[in-house]
C-alpha atoms as a PDB file:
ATOM      1  CA  MET A   1     -12.570   9.704  -8.667  1.00  0.00           C
ATOM      2  CA  ARG A   2     -14.409   6.732  -6.823  1.00  0.00           C
ATOM      3  CA  ILE A   3     -11.686   3.600  -6.462  1.00  0.00           C
ATOM      4  CA  LEU A   4     -12.738   0.458  -4.746  1.00  0.00           C
ATOM      5  CA  ALA A   5      -9.790  -1.022  -2.989  1.00  0.00           C
ATOM      6  CA  ILE A   6      -9.057  -4.659  -1.563  1.00  0.00           C
ATOM      7  CA  GLU A   7      -6.922  -5.354   1.431  1.00  0.00           C
ATOM      8  CA  SER A   8      -5.669  -8.947   1.675  1.00  0.00           C
ATOM      9  CA  THR A   9      -2.483  -8.578   3.274  1.00  0.00           C
ATOM     10  CA  ALA A  10      -2.578 -11.018   6.288  1.00  0.00           C
ATOM     11  CA  HIS A  11      -5.380 -11.934   9.058  1.00  0.00           C
ATOM     12  CA  THR A  12      -7.834  -9.611   7.480  1.00  0.00           C
ATOM     13  CA  ILE A  13      -9.868  -8.909   4.188  1.00  0.00           C
ATOM     14  CA  GLY A  14     -11.379  -6.195   4.064  1.00  0.00           C
ATOM     15  CA  VAL A  15     -12.629  -3.696   1.019  1.00  0.00           C
ATOM     16  CA  SER A  16     -13.084   0.172   0.898  1.00  0.00           C
ATOM     17  CA  VAL A  17     -14.623   2.353  -1.867  1.00  0.00           C
ATOM     18  CA  VAL A  18     -12.934   5.830  -1.367  1.00  0.00           C
ATOM     19  CA  SER A  19     -13.880   8.821  -3.167  1.00  0.00           C
ATOM     20  CA  SER A  20     -11.796  12.467  -4.412  1.00  0.00           C
ATOM     21  CA  SER A  21     -12.170  15.160  -5.634  1.00  0.00           C
ATOM     22  CA  ALA A  22      -8.425  16.060  -5.416  1.00  0.00           C
ATOM     23  CA  ARG A  23      -6.642  17.321  -8.617  1.00  0.00           C
ATOM     24  CA  SER A  24      -2.714  16.391  -7.284  1.00  0.00           C
ATOM     25  CA  ALA A  25      -1.252  13.725  -5.674  1.00  0.00           C
ATOM     26  CA  LYS A  26       0.056  16.488  -3.498  1.00  0.00           C
ATOM     27  CA  ALA A  27      -3.316  18.002  -2.601  1.00  0.00           C
ATOM     28  CA  VAL A  28      -4.930  14.981  -1.323  1.00  0.00           C
ATOM     29  CA  SER A  29      -6.215  15.660   2.026  1.00  0.00           C
ATOM     30  CA  LEU A  30      -9.323  14.972   4.326  1.00  0.00           C
ATOM     31  CA  ARG A  31     -11.355  18.504   2.482  1.00  0.00           C
ATOM     32  CA  ASN A  32     -11.106  16.644  -0.753  1.00  0.00           C
ATOM     33  CA  THR A  33     -10.767  12.822  -0.236  1.00  0.00           C
ATOM     34  CA  GLU A  34     -13.389  10.615   1.164  1.00  0.00           C
ATOM     35  CA  VAL A  35     -13.223   7.034   2.752  1.00  0.00           C
ATOM     36  CA  LEU A  36     -16.913   6.092   2.001  1.00  0.00           C
ATOM     37  CA  SER A  37     -16.703   2.612   3.249  1.00  0.00           C
ATOM     38  CA  ASN A  38     -13.746   0.481   4.985  1.00  0.00           C
ATOM     39  CA  GLU A  39     -15.502  -2.790   5.597  1.00  0.00           C
ATOM     40  CA  ARG A  40     -13.418  -5.724   7.025  1.00  0.00           C
ATOM     41  CA  ALA A  41     -13.182  -9.294   8.369  1.00  0.00           C
ATOM     42  CA  LYS A  42     -10.625 -10.761  10.600  1.00  0.00           C
ATOM     43  CA  TYR A  43      -9.701 -14.389  11.246  1.00  0.00           C
ATOM     44  CA  PRO A  44      -9.803 -15.032  14.546  1.00  0.00           C
ATOM     45  CA  SER A  45      -6.456 -15.303  16.421  1.00  0.00           C
ATOM     46  CA  THR A  46      -5.848 -18.593  18.193  1.00  0.00           C
ATOM     47  CA  ASP A  47      -3.150 -20.075  20.541  1.00  0.00           C
ATOM     48  CA  ARG A  48      -1.641 -21.471  17.132  1.00  0.00           C
ATOM     49  CA  GLY A  49      -1.104 -18.376  15.779  1.00  0.00           C
ATOM     50  CA  TYR A  50      -1.756 -17.485  11.776  1.00  0.00           C
ATOM     51  CA  ILE A  51      -1.631 -20.915   9.395  1.00  0.00           C
ATOM     52  CA  PRO A  52      -1.243 -18.959   6.047  1.00  0.00           C
ATOM     53  CA  ARG A  53      -3.901 -21.727   4.272  1.00  0.00           C
ATOM     54  CA  GLN A  54      -6.619 -21.411   6.625  1.00  0.00           C
ATOM     55  CA  LEU A  55      -6.177 -17.433   6.300  1.00  0.00           C
ATOM     56  CA  ALA A  56      -6.439 -17.268   2.652  1.00  0.00           C
ATOM     57  CA  ASP A  57      -9.905 -19.837   2.693  1.00  0.00           C
ATOM     58  CA  HIS A  58     -11.342 -17.461   5.399  1.00  0.00           C
ATOM     59  CA  HIS A  59     -10.791 -14.610   2.819  1.00  0.00           C
ATOM     60  CA  ALA A  60     -11.974 -16.460  -0.017  1.00  0.00           C
ATOM     61  CA  LYS A  61     -15.142 -16.984   2.492  1.00  0.00           C
ATOM     62  CA  LYS A  62     -15.401 -13.963   3.299  1.00  0.00           C
ATOM     63  CA  TYR A  63     -14.816 -11.902   0.661  1.00  0.00           C
ATOM     64  CA  ALA A  64     -18.141 -11.703  -1.324  1.00  0.00           C
ATOM     65  CA  GLY A  65     -19.676 -10.648   1.731  1.00  0.00           C
ATOM     66  CA  VAL A  66     -17.294  -7.702   2.556  1.00  0.00           C
ATOM     67  CA  LEU A  67     -17.543  -6.258  -0.890  1.00  0.00           C
ATOM     68  CA  GLU A  68     -21.155  -6.466  -0.969  1.00  0.00           C
ATOM     69  CA  ALA A  69     -21.308  -4.023   2.252  1.00  0.00           C
ATOM     70  CA  ALA A  70     -18.764  -1.865   1.352  1.00  0.00           C
ATOM     71  CA  LEU A  71     -20.572  -0.876  -1.934  1.00  0.00           C
ATOM     72  CA  ARG A  72     -23.989  -1.151  -0.005  1.00  0.00           C
ATOM     73  CA  LYS A  73     -22.242   1.436   2.939  1.00  0.00           C
ATOM     74  CA  SER A  74     -20.855   3.889   0.229  1.00  0.00           C
ATOM     75  CA  LYS A  75     -23.912   3.792  -1.923  1.00  0.00           C
ATOM     76  CA  THR A  76     -21.780   2.953  -5.198  1.00  0.00           C
ATOM     77  CA  ALA A  77     -23.015   0.674  -7.892  1.00  0.00           C
ATOM     78  CA  PRO A  78     -20.007  -0.984  -9.173  1.00  0.00           C
ATOM     79  CA  GLU A  79     -20.554   0.721 -12.907  1.00  0.00           C
ATOM     80  CA  GLU A  80     -19.205   4.163 -10.800  1.00  0.00           C
ATOM     81  CA  LEU A  81     -16.125   2.860  -9.871  1.00  0.00           C
ATOM     82  CA  ASP A  82     -12.752   4.000 -11.920  1.00  0.00           C
ATOM     83  CA  CYS A  83     -10.148   1.869 -10.685  1.00  0.00           C
ATOM     84  CA  ILE A  84      -9.527  -1.363  -8.469  1.00  0.00           C
ATOM     85  CA  ALA A  85      -6.882  -1.151  -5.941  1.00  0.00           C
ATOM     86  CA  TYR A  86      -5.307  -3.891  -4.370  1.00  0.00           C
ATOM     87  CA  THR A  87      -2.211  -4.842  -2.109  1.00  0.00           C
ATOM     88  CA  GLN A  88       0.429  -5.918  -4.130  1.00  0.00           C
ATOM     89  CA  GLY A  89       2.924  -6.646  -0.858  1.00  0.00           C
ATOM     90  CA  PRO A  90       4.397  -7.212   1.299  1.00  0.00           C
ATOM     91  CA  GLY A  91       2.445  -9.934   3.349  1.00  0.00           C
ATOM     92  CA  ILE A  92       1.494 -13.793   3.331  1.00  0.00           C
ATOM     93  CA  GLY A  93       1.760 -14.878  -0.374  1.00  0.00           C
ATOM     94  CA  HIS A  94      -1.739 -16.927   0.212  1.00  0.00           C
ATOM     95  CA  CYS A  95      -3.368 -14.124   1.469  1.00  0.00           C
ATOM     96  CA  LEU A  96      -1.772 -11.888  -0.742  1.00  0.00           C
ATOM     97  CA  ARG A  97      -3.067 -14.006  -3.626  1.00  0.00           C
ATOM     98  CA  VAL A  98      -6.905 -14.233  -2.828  1.00  0.00           C
ATOM     99  CA  GLY A  99      -6.672 -10.080  -3.062  1.00  0.00           C
ATOM    100  CA  PHE A 100      -5.199 -10.483  -6.049  1.00  0.00           C
ATOM    101  CA  VAL A 101      -7.693 -12.821  -7.889  1.00  0.00           C
ATOM    102  CA  ALA A 102     -10.580 -10.466  -6.722  1.00  0.00           C
ATOM    103  CA  ALA A 103      -9.028  -7.498  -7.786  1.00  0.00           C
ATOM    104  CA  ASN A 104      -7.915  -9.051 -11.223  1.00  0.00           C
ATOM    105  CA  SER A 105     -11.440 -10.424 -11.958  1.00  0.00           C
ATOM    106  CA  LEU A 106     -13.221  -6.919 -10.634  1.00  0.00           C
ATOM    107  CA  SER A 107     -11.089  -4.988 -13.148  1.00  0.00           C
ATOM    108  CA  LYS A 108     -11.940  -7.507 -16.211  1.00  0.00           C
ATOM    109  CA  THR A 109     -15.357  -7.622 -15.297  1.00  0.00           C
ATOM    110  CA  LEU A 110     -15.701  -3.863 -15.015  1.00  0.00           C
ATOM    111  CA  GLU A 111     -13.393  -2.975 -17.537  1.00  0.00           C
ATOM    112  CA  VAL A 112     -11.423  -0.460 -15.151  1.00  0.00           C
ATOM    113  CA  PRO A 113      -7.779  -0.099 -14.137  1.00  0.00           C
ATOM    114  CA  LEU A 114      -6.052  -2.124 -12.171  1.00  0.00           C
ATOM    115  CA  VAL A 115      -3.844  -0.312  -9.533  1.00  0.00           C
ATOM    116  CA  PRO A 116      -1.658  -2.193  -7.139  1.00  0.00           C
ATOM    117  CA  VAL A 117      -0.003  -0.546  -3.984  1.00  0.00           C
ATOM    118  CA  ASN A 118       2.430  -1.350  -1.413  1.00  0.00           C
ATOM    119  CA  HIS A 119       0.904  -2.083   1.684  1.00  0.00           C
ATOM    120  CA  ALA A 120       3.932  -0.373   3.849  1.00  0.00           C
ATOM    121  CA  ILE A 121       3.439   2.806   2.071  1.00  0.00           C
ATOM    122  CA  ALA A 122      -0.258   2.765   2.194  1.00  0.00           C
ATOM    123  CA  HIS A 123       0.477   2.528   5.925  1.00  0.00           C
ATOM    124  CA  VAL A 124       2.199   5.755   5.797  1.00  0.00           C
ATOM    125  CA  GLU A 125      -0.004   7.297   3.471  1.00  0.00           C
ATOM    126  CA  VAL A 126      -3.391   6.922   5.393  1.00  0.00           C
ATOM    127  CA  GLY A 127      -1.350   8.804   8.105  1.00  0.00           C
ATOM    128  CA  ASN A 128      -0.288  11.569   6.168  1.00  0.00           C
ATOM    129  CA  TRP A 129      -3.756  11.848   4.993  1.00  0.00           C
ATOM    130  CA  ALA A 130      -5.591  11.527   8.184  1.00  0.00           C
ATOM    131  CA  CYS A 131      -3.132  14.108  10.332  1.00  0.00           C
ATOM    132  CA  GLY A 132      -2.146  16.597   7.657  1.00  0.00           C
ATOM    133  CA  THR A 133       1.804  15.516   7.800  1.00  0.00           C
ATOM    134  CA  LYS A 134       3.914  16.540   5.068  1.00  0.00           C
ATOM    135  CA  ASP A 135       7.233  14.784   5.750  1.00  0.00           C
ATOM    136  CA  PRO A 136       7.169  13.289   8.849  1.00  0.00           C
ATOM    137  CA  LEU A 137      10.202  10.824   9.834  1.00  0.00           C
ATOM    138  CA  VAL A 138       7.905   7.935   9.730  1.00  0.00           C
ATOM    139  CA  ILE A 139       8.085   4.793  12.193  1.00  0.00           C
ATOM    140  CA  TYR A 140       6.038   2.132  11.318  1.00  0.00           C
ATOM    141  CA  VAL A 141       5.495  -0.769  13.661  1.00  0.00           C
ATOM    142  CA  SER A 142       2.924  -3.541  13.173  1.00  0.00           C
ATOM    143  CA  GLY A 143       3.222  -7.321  13.023  1.00  0.00           C
ATOM    144  CA  GLY A 144       5.727  -8.262  10.428  1.00  0.00           C
ATOM    145  CA  ASN A 145       7.431  -4.657   9.853  1.00  0.00           C
ATOM    146  CA  THR A 146       9.307  -2.416  12.125  1.00  0.00           C
ATOM    147  CA  GLN A 147      10.962   0.511  10.089  1.00  0.00           C
ATOM    148  CA  ILE A 148      12.125   3.855  10.672  1.00  0.00           C
ATOM    149  CA  ALA A 149      11.761   5.627   7.509  1.00  0.00           C
ATOM    150  CA  ALA A 150      11.734   8.856   5.548  1.00  0.00           C
ATOM    151  CA  LYS A 151      11.480  10.377   2.643  1.00  0.00           C
ATOM    152  CA  THR A 152      14.649  11.164   0.571  1.00  0.00           C
ATOM    153  CA  GLU A 153      15.802  11.905  -3.097  1.00  0.00           C
ATOM    154  CA  VAL A 154      18.262   9.782  -5.060  1.00  0.00           C
ATOM    155  CA  ARG A 155      19.201  10.481  -8.466  1.00  0.00           C
ATOM    156  CA  GLU A 156      15.868  12.696  -8.665  1.00  0.00           C
ATOM    157  CA  LYS A 157      14.002   9.579  -7.662  1.00  0.00           C
ATOM    158  CA  ARG A 158      11.906  10.317  -4.472  1.00  0.00           C
ATOM    159  CA  LYS A 159      11.582   7.414  -1.926  1.00  0.00           C
ATOM    160  CA  TYR A 160      10.877   6.349   1.627  1.00  0.00           C
ATOM    161  CA  ALA A 161      14.460   5.183   2.686  1.00  0.00           C
ATOM    162  CA  VAL A 162      14.387   2.490   5.536  1.00  0.00           C
ATOM    163  CA  LEU A 163      16.739   4.318   8.112  1.00  0.00           C
ATOM    164  CA  GLY A 164      16.708   1.558  10.728  1.00  0.00           C
ATOM    165  CA  GLU A 165      14.498  -1.728  11.350  1.00  0.00           C
ATOM    166  CA  THR A 166      14.199  -4.404  13.157  1.00  0.00           C
ATOM    167  CA  LEU A 167      16.915  -7.220  12.521  1.00  0.00           C
ATOM    168  CA  ASP A 168      14.413 -10.439  12.833  1.00  0.00           C
ATOM    169  CA  ILE A 169      10.983  -9.877  13.598  1.00  0.00           C
ATOM    170  CA  GLY A 170       8.586  -7.071  13.800  1.00  0.00           C
ATOM    171  CA  ILE A 171       7.336  -5.320  17.461  1.00  0.00           C
ATOM    172  CA  GLY A 172       3.918  -6.623  16.580  1.00  0.00           C
ATOM    173  CA  ASN A 173       4.969 -10.036  16.139  1.00  0.00           C
ATOM    174  CA  PHE A 174       6.698 -10.185  19.085  1.00  0.00           C
ATOM    175  CA  LEU A 175       3.942  -8.842  21.301  1.00  0.00           C
ATOM    176  CA  ASP A 176       1.425 -11.484  19.755  1.00  0.00           C
ATOM    177  CA  VAL A 177       3.641 -14.279  20.484  1.00  0.00           C
ATOM    178  CA  LEU A 178       4.098 -12.711  24.072  1.00  0.00           C
ATOM    179  CA  GLY A 179       0.199 -11.973  24.220  1.00  0.00           C
ATOM    180  CA  ARG A 180      -0.459 -15.892  23.570  1.00  0.00           C
ATOM    181  CA  GLU A 181       2.501 -16.948  26.086  1.00  0.00           C
ATOM    182  CA  PHE A 182       0.507 -14.913  28.915  1.00  0.00           C
ATOM    183  CA  LYS A 183      -3.032 -15.825  27.550  1.00  0.00           C
ATOM    184  CA  CYS A 184      -4.012 -12.185  26.827  1.00  0.00           C
ATOM    185  CA  ALA A 185      -6.250 -13.427  23.780  1.00  0.00           C
ATOM    186  CA  PRO A 186      -6.787 -11.821  21.618  1.00  0.00           C
ATOM    187  CA  PRO A 187      -2.934 -11.457  21.439  1.00  0.00           C
ATOM    188  CA  ASP A 188      -2.870  -8.469  19.002  1.00  0.00           C
ATOM    189  CA  ALA A 189      -4.865  -6.272  21.244  1.00  0.00           C
ATOM    190  CA  VAL A 190      -1.884  -4.843  22.810  1.00  0.00           C
ATOM    191  CA  GLY A 191      -4.220  -2.637  25.175  1.00  0.00           C
ATOM    192  CA  LEU A 192      -4.234  -6.146  27.449  1.00  0.00           C
ATOM    193  CA  LEU A 193      -0.841  -6.633  27.646  1.00  0.00           C
ATOM    194  CA  GLU A 194      -0.193  -2.516  29.038  1.00  0.00           C
ATOM    195  CA  GLU A 195      -3.565  -3.681  31.186  1.00  0.00           C
ATOM    196  CA  ALA A 196      -1.841  -6.784  32.545  1.00  0.00           C
ATOM    197  CA  ALA A 197       1.463  -4.759  33.013  1.00  0.00           C
ATOM    198  CA  LYS A 198       0.409  -2.531  35.387  1.00  0.00           C
ATOM    199  CA  GLY A 199       1.541  -2.156  38.622  1.00  0.00           C
ATOM    200  CA  GLY A 200       4.627  -4.285  37.136  1.00  0.00           C
ATOM    201  CA  ASN A 201       8.159  -4.130  37.871  1.00  0.00           C
ATOM    202  CA  LEU A 202      11.040  -3.859  36.004  1.00  0.00           C
ATOM    203  CA  PHE A 203      13.763  -7.144  35.906  1.00  0.00           C
ATOM    204  CA  ASP A 204      16.436  -7.541  33.367  1.00  0.00           C
ATOM    205  CA  LEU A 205      15.968  -8.455  29.978  1.00  0.00           C
ATOM    206  CA  PRO A 206      17.975  -8.278  26.823  1.00  0.00           C
ATOM    207  CA  TYR A 207      18.055  -4.755  25.429  1.00  0.00           C
ATOM    208  CA  THR A 208      19.117  -4.516  21.703  1.00  0.00           C
ATOM    209  CA  VAL A 209      19.521  -1.505  19.887  1.00  0.00           C
ATOM    210  CA  LYS A 210      22.454  -1.726  17.275  1.00  0.00           C
ATOM    211  CA  GLY A 211      22.800   2.028  16.353  1.00  0.00           C
ATOM    212  CA  VAL A 212      19.291   2.465  14.588  1.00  0.00           C
ATOM    213  CA  ASP A 213      18.572  -1.426  14.205  1.00  0.00           C
ATOM    214  CA  LEU A 214      16.747  -3.292  16.425  1.00  0.00           C
ATOM    215  CA  ALA A 215      16.449  -6.963  17.678  1.00  0.00           C
ATOM    216  CA  PHE A 216      13.375  -8.648  19.648  1.00  0.00           C
ATOM    217  CA  ALA A 217      13.828 -12.277  19.429  1.00  0.00           C
ATOM    218  CA  GLY A 218      16.305 -12.167  22.276  1.00  0.00           C
ATOM    219  CA  LEU A 219      13.977 -10.076  24.706  1.00  0.00           C
ATOM    220  CA  LEU A 220      10.872 -12.672  23.207  1.00  0.00           C
ATOM    221  CA  THR A 221      13.293 -15.753  24.386  1.00  0.00           C
ATOM    222  CA  ALA A 222      14.226 -14.340  27.707  1.00  0.00           C
ATOM    223  CA  VAL A 223      10.887 -13.404  29.521  1.00  0.00           C
ATOM    224  CA  THR A 224       9.168 -16.514  28.058  1.00  0.00           C
ATOM    225  CA  ARG A 225      11.854 -18.223  29.936  1.00  0.00           C
ATOM    226  CA  ALA A 226      11.970 -16.038  32.881  1.00  0.00           C
ATOM    227  CA  VAL A 227       8.299 -16.792  33.212  1.00  0.00           C
ATOM    228  CA  GLY A 228       8.262 -20.730  32.688  1.00  0.00           C
ATOM    229  CA  GLY A 229      10.934 -20.912  35.007  1.00  0.00           C
ATOM    230  CA  LYS A 230       9.042 -18.903  37.667  1.00  0.00           C
ATOM    231  CA  LYS A 231      11.894 -16.371  37.843  1.00  0.00           C
ATOM    232  CA  THR A 232       9.284 -13.414  37.607  1.00  0.00           C
ATOM    233  CA  SER A 233       5.921 -12.627  37.667  1.00  0.00           C
ATOM    234  CA  ARG A 234       3.492 -12.273  34.965  1.00  0.00           C
ATOM    235  CA  ARG A 235       2.812  -8.587  35.413  1.00  0.00           C
ATOM    236  CA  ASP A 236       6.453  -7.939  35.756  1.00  0.00           C
ATOM    237  CA  ALA A 237       7.171 -10.168  32.802  1.00  0.00           C
ATOM    238  CA  CYS A 238       4.367  -7.912  30.635  1.00  0.00           C
ATOM    239  CA  PHE A 239       5.657  -4.811  32.248  1.00  0.00           C
ATOM    240  CA  SER A 240       9.609  -5.397  31.528  1.00  0.00           C
ATOM    241  CA  SER A 241       8.859  -6.505  27.790  1.00  0.00           C
ATOM    242  CA  VAL A 242       6.569  -3.962  26.888  1.00  0.00           C
ATOM    243  CA  GLN A 243       8.677  -1.283  28.696  1.00  0.00           C
ATOM    244  CA  ASN A 244      12.263  -2.649  27.296  1.00  0.00           C
ATOM    245  CA  ALA A 245      10.450  -3.186  23.710  1.00  0.00           C
ATOM    246  CA  PHE A 246       9.456   0.358  23.347  1.00  0.00           C
ATOM    247  CA  ALA A 247      12.096   2.348  24.979  1.00  0.00           C
ATOM    248  CA  MET A 248      14.423   0.546  22.056  1.00  0.00           C
ATOM    249  CA  LEU A 249      11.939   1.858  19.346  1.00  0.00           C
ATOM    250  CA  VAL A 250      12.175   5.091  20.959  1.00  0.00           C
ATOM    251  CA  GLU A 251      16.116   5.473  21.467  1.00  0.00           C
ATOM    252  CA  ALA A 252      16.592   4.027  17.744  1.00  0.00           C
ATOM    253  CA  SER A 253      14.002   6.566  16.746  1.00  0.00           C
ATOM    254  CA  GLU A 254      15.469   9.463  18.459  1.00  0.00           C
ATOM    255  CA  ARG A 255      18.923   8.797  17.087  1.00  0.00           C
ATOM    256  CA  VAL A 256      17.780   8.853  13.494  1.00  0.00           C
ATOM    257  CA  LEU A 257      15.326  12.294  14.437  1.00  0.00           C
ATOM    258  CA  CYS A 258      18.924  14.011  15.787  1.00  0.00           C
ATOM    259  CA  HIS A 259      20.718  12.882  12.254  1.00  0.00           C
ATOM    260  CA  THR A 260      17.667  14.171  10.102  1.00  0.00           C
ATOM    261  CA  ARG A 261      15.784  17.269  11.845  1.00  0.00           C
ATOM    262  CA  ASN A 262      12.558  16.334  10.446  1.00  0.00           C
ATOM    263  CA  GLY A 263      10.196  18.750  11.827  1.00  0.00           C
ATOM    264  CA  GLU A 264       7.072  16.296  12.077  1.00  0.00           C
ATOM    265  CA  LEU A 265       7.246  12.206  13.519  1.00  0.00           C
ATOM    266  CA  LEU A 266       4.291  10.080  12.673  1.00  0.00           C
ATOM    267  CA  LEU A 267       3.277   6.694  14.161  1.00  0.00           C
ATOM    268  CA  VAL A 268       1.378   4.097  11.616  1.00  0.00           C
ATOM    269  CA  GLY A 269       0.893   0.847  12.068  1.00  0.00           C
ATOM    270  CA  GLY A 270      -1.302  -1.570  13.926  1.00  0.00           C
ATOM    271  CA  VAL A 271       0.936  -0.964  17.672  1.00  0.00           C
ATOM    272  CA  ALA A 272       0.444   2.457  17.144  1.00  0.00           C
ATOM    273  CA  GLN A 273      -2.403   2.209  18.808  1.00  0.00           C
ATOM    274  CA  SER A 274      -0.751   1.490  21.918  1.00  0.00           C
ATOM    275  CA  LYS A 275      -1.165   4.643  24.519  1.00  0.00           C
ATOM    276  CA  THR A 276       2.060   3.668  25.902  1.00  0.00           C
ATOM    277  CA  LEU A 277       4.083   3.840  22.957  1.00  0.00           C
ATOM    278  CA  GLN A 278       2.244   7.183  21.818  1.00  0.00           C
ATOM    279  CA  GLU A 279       3.336   8.999  25.379  1.00  0.00           C
ATOM    280  CA  MET A 280       7.157   7.830  24.574  1.00  0.00           C
ATOM    281  CA  TYR A 281       6.867   9.203  21.141  1.00  0.00           C
ATOM    282  CA  SER A 282       5.286  12.478  22.554  1.00  0.00           C
ATOM    283  CA  LEU A 283       8.180  13.191  24.982  1.00  0.00           C
ATOM    284  CA  MET A 284      10.811  12.359  22.687  1.00  0.00           C
ATOM    285  CA  ALA A 285       9.400  14.533  19.963  1.00  0.00           C
ATOM    286  CA  ARG A 286       9.025  17.066  22.149  1.00  0.00           C
ATOM    287  CA  GLU A 287      12.517  17.446  23.368  1.00  0.00           C
ATOM    288  CA  GLN A 288      13.928  17.285  19.875  1.00  0.00           C
ATOM    289  CA  GLY A 289      11.422  20.209  18.747  1.00  0.00           C
ATOM    290  CA  ALA A 290       9.401  18.045  16.391  1.00  0.00           C
ATOM    291  CA  LYS A 291       5.578  17.633  16.660  1.00  0.00           C
ATOM    292  CA  SER A 292       4.404  14.244  17.107  1.00  0.00           C
ATOM    293  CA  PHE A 293       1.528  12.816  15.157  1.00  0.00           C
ATOM    294  CA  VAL A 294      -0.677   9.617  15.242  1.00  0.00           C
ATOM    295  CA  VAL A 295      -2.650   7.400  12.836  1.00  0.00           C
ATOM    296  CA  PRO A 296      -6.419   7.552  13.857  1.00  0.00           C
ATOM    297  CA  ALA A 297      -7.029   4.096  15.735  1.00  0.00           C
ATOM    298  CA  GLN A 298      -9.673   3.140  12.682  1.00  0.00           C
ATOM    299  CA  TYR A 299      -6.583   3.180  10.203  1.00  0.00           C
ATOM    300  CA  ALA A 300      -3.736   1.955  11.809  1.00  0.00           C
ATOM    301  CA  GLY A 301      -4.443  -1.612  11.109  1.00  0.00           C
ATOM    302  CA  ASP A 302      -4.618  -3.625   8.342  1.00  0.00           C
ATOM    303  CA  GLN A 303      -7.796  -2.201   6.554  1.00  0.00           C
ATOM    304  CA  ALA A 304      -8.640  -0.961   2.690  1.00  0.00           C
ATOM    305  CA  GLY A 305      -9.462   2.468   3.512  1.00  0.00           C
ATOM    306  CA  MET A 306      -5.499   3.286   3.342  1.00  0.00           C
ATOM    307  CA  ILE A 307      -4.716   0.821   0.063  1.00  0.00           C
ATOM    308  CA  GLY A 308      -7.699   3.244  -1.493  1.00  0.00           C
ATOM    309  CA  ILE A 309      -6.234   6.367  -0.263  1.00  0.00           C
ATOM    310  CA  THR A 310      -2.675   5.611  -1.729  1.00  0.00           C
ATOM    311  CA  ALA A 311      -4.511   4.397  -4.887  1.00  0.00           C
ATOM    312  CA  VAL A 312      -5.787   7.722  -5.402  1.00  0.00           C
ATOM    313  CA  LYS A 313      -2.327   9.363  -4.914  1.00  0.00           C
ATOM    314  CA  GLN A 314      -0.803   7.091  -7.284  1.00  0.00           C
ATOM    315  CA  VAL A 315      -3.574   7.692 -10.146  1.00  0.00           C
ATOM    316  CA  LEU A 316      -2.860  11.629  -9.252  1.00  0.00           C
ATOM    317  CA  ALA A 317       0.537  11.260  -9.658  1.00  0.00           C
ATOM    318  CA  GLY A 318       0.486   9.362 -12.976  1.00  0.00           C
ATOM    319  CA  MET A 319       2.017   6.154 -11.828  1.00  0.00           C
ATOM    320  CA  GLU A 320       1.141   2.835 -14.365  1.00  0.00           C
ATOM    321  CA  TYR A 321      -1.567   0.905 -13.534  1.00  0.00           C
ATOM    322  CA  GLY A 322      -0.671  -3.112 -14.143  1.00  0.00           C
ATOM    323  CA  ASN A 323      -1.491  -6.560 -13.437  1.00  0.00           C
ATOM    324  CA  TYR A 324       1.546  -6.956 -11.106  1.00  0.00           C
ATOM    325  CA  GLU A 325       1.609  -9.950  -9.041  1.00  0.00           C
ATOM    326  CA  PRO A 326       1.581 -10.253  -5.224  1.00  0.00           C
ATOM    327  CA  ASN A 327       4.860  -9.977  -3.886  1.00  0.00           C
ATOM    328  CA  GLN A 328       5.613 -10.824  -0.413  1.00  0.00           C
ATOM    329  CA  ASP A 329       9.082  -9.436  -0.149  1.00  0.00           C
ATOM    330  CA  LEU A 330       7.829  -6.077  -1.412  1.00  0.00           C
ATOM    331  CA  ARG A 331       9.582  -3.201   0.914  1.00  0.00           C
ATOM    332  CA  ILE A 332       8.981   0.047   1.754  1.00  0.00           C
ATOM    333  CA  ASP A 333      11.906   1.175  -0.156  1.00  0.00           C
ATOM    334  CA  ALA A 334      11.404  -0.214  -3.271  1.00  0.00           C
ATOM    335  CA  GLN A 335       8.961   1.900  -4.949  1.00  0.00           C
ATOM    336  CA  GLU A 336       9.164   5.856  -6.207  1.00  0.00           C
ATOM    337  CA  ILE A 337       7.446   8.262  -4.382  1.00  0.00           C
ATOM    338  CA  PRO A 338       6.007  10.797  -7.423  1.00  0.00           C
ATOM    339  CA  TRP A 339       4.528  13.601  -4.879  1.00  0.00           C
END
């Protein structure tokens, strides 16, 4: 099986070709499923943040070149493709529409099925594929999403249940805005904030954990006011913000882990690239008798490889195909996971 996948959730337009010889969704692994190409073009970050229409224009202009590069690198002719997969949601509506139109057009031209993929589930499944995890407690940390999830069975249907999540903004959004405030461009490079925080000291900031849920907006407001009012240094602000935000995440996750007792913990999403966060989760998991895993850096941020891997599992599991319209509010717990 050979699938071409298109990712267009937010700032990145990506195209990947994935090949698999697996015979069942549960059997998909590094041994039998390979990402042959994973090309992408990212809209450059600016002080103004991301404007949906500009992102969509960027994706429309870059798509043809990214598609050509993905096919060339994978040594795949269009007629060798068995399916076209695309991100249905969640994400920015304008961006999702570009990917959907591109995938739909390609599907009709090649006369092959169209496979809609849940972006949030794809982040998890590429982590399971790359790390070999089977039933982990998932910590999904990205720009628009911050969720603690695990597989559960309800009325004989298996889904990812959200056991804890942000009540306002995602931690990636929090870090992006903070990075722009502190001139750590590009703001989505978490490592730059961590570098700026070296040698910093803690000062009091809001710490909002409500059971297993979190909130970051108050922390963001407090730290930007403190820096603007010269009540603290930029270094101390970076250090305190990162430590507070990550500690909140780990506390909520540990509370969930004590309840679910999963033997594995999997960190996925763009913010999973943070070395500080990885170390904090590794220590917490070890103390709770669980093994900690982190999605490889090349599959942490938004890219089409994860869409292709998930599409392979969906096809092998016999899930229905279809020309499903983009849904920017699609949640990780909205879809059955039959594997």
